[in-house]
């Protein structure tokens, strides 16, 4: 069964994880107002984004199991 919106959501999470990975390699500083976002947030973003993307890909394919 085809699930295009699940694939699209998976792609968005993958792109988000890649952006966080880029930030980690280039040490790009993110400043919002007077606050600097710490680099550890990108570590969390890479892990969460990659896991969510992987899980959505599995769901879109219909793969079951551990």
Protein backbone atom coordinates (compact mmCIF):
# COMPACT_ATOMS: atom_id res chain seq x y z
CA UNK A 1 0.00 0.00 0.00
CA UNK A 2 1.33 3.44 -0.93
CA UNK A 3 1.58 6.07 1.80
CA UNK A 4 2.91 9.24 0.19
CA UNK A 5 2.41 11.51 3.21
CA UNK A 6 4.36 9.14 5.43
CA UNK A 7 7.23 9.22 2.93
CA UNK A 8 7.08 13.03 2.86
CA UNK A 9 7.16 13.23 6.66
CA UNK A 10 10.10 10.82 6.67
CA UNK A 11 11.96 13.05 4.20
CA UNK A 12 11.33 16.13 6.36
CA UNK A 13 12.75 14.39 9.44
CA UNK A 14 15.77 13.21 7.43
CA UNK A 15 16.45 16.73 6.15
CA UNK A 16 16.15 18.09 9.69
CA UNK A 17 18.64 15.50 10.95
CA UNK A 18 21.04 16.42 8.13
CA UNK A 19 20.77 20.12 8.98
CA UNK A 20 21.65 19.37 12.61
CA UNK A 21 24.55 17.20 11.44
CA UNK A 22 25.78 20.06 9.23
CA UNK A 23 25.63 22.39 12.24
CA UNK A 24 27.73 19.97 14.29
CA UNK A 25 30.45 19.69 11.63
CA UNK A 26 30.63 23.40 10.81
CA UNK A 27 30.11 24.73 14.37
CA UNK A 28 27.40 27.05 13.04
CA UNK A 29 26.05 29.25 15.84
CA UNK A 30 22.29 29.75 16.10
CA UNK A 31 21.26 32.93 17.91
CA UNK A 32 17.63 33.77 18.66
CA UNK A 33 17.34 37.24 20.13
CA UNK A 34 20.05 37.36 22.77
CA UNK A 35 20.14 33.59 23.34
CA UNK A 36 22.64 31.22 21.73
CA UNK A 37 21.29 27.71 21.15
CA UNK A 38 23.77 25.18 22.60
CA UNK A 39 25.42 22.60 20.34
CA UNK A 40 24.06 19.69 22.38
CA UNK A 41 20.63 20.47 20.96
CA UNK A 42 21.93 19.40 17.56
CA UNK A 43 23.08 16.05 18.94
CA UNK A 44 19.53 15.47 20.14
CA UNK A 45 18.17 16.72 16.80
CA UNK A 46 20.32 14.30 14.80
CA UNK A 47 19.30 11.28 16.87
CA UNK A 48 15.60 12.13 17.09
CA UNK A 49 15.36 13.13 13.41
CA UNK A 50 17.17 10.03 12.18
CA UNK A 51 15.15 7.65 14.35
CA UNK A 52 11.85 9.26 13.38
CA UNK A 53 12.78 9.15 9.69
CA UNK A 54 13.79 5.50 9.94
CA UNK A 55 10.59 4.55 11.79
CA UNK A 56 8.39 6.39 9.28
CA UNK A 57 10.16 4.65 6.39
CA UNK A 58 9.47 1.30 8.03
CA UNK A 59 5.82 2.19 8.49
CA UNK A 60 5.45 3.39 4.91
CA UNK A 61 6.88 0.09 3.63
CA UNK A 62 4.70 -1.90 6.01
CA UNK A 63 7.68 -3.58 7.70
CA UNK A 64 6.89 -5.18 11.04
CA UNK A 65 9.04 -6.71 13.74
CA UNK A 66 11.90 -5.59 15.98
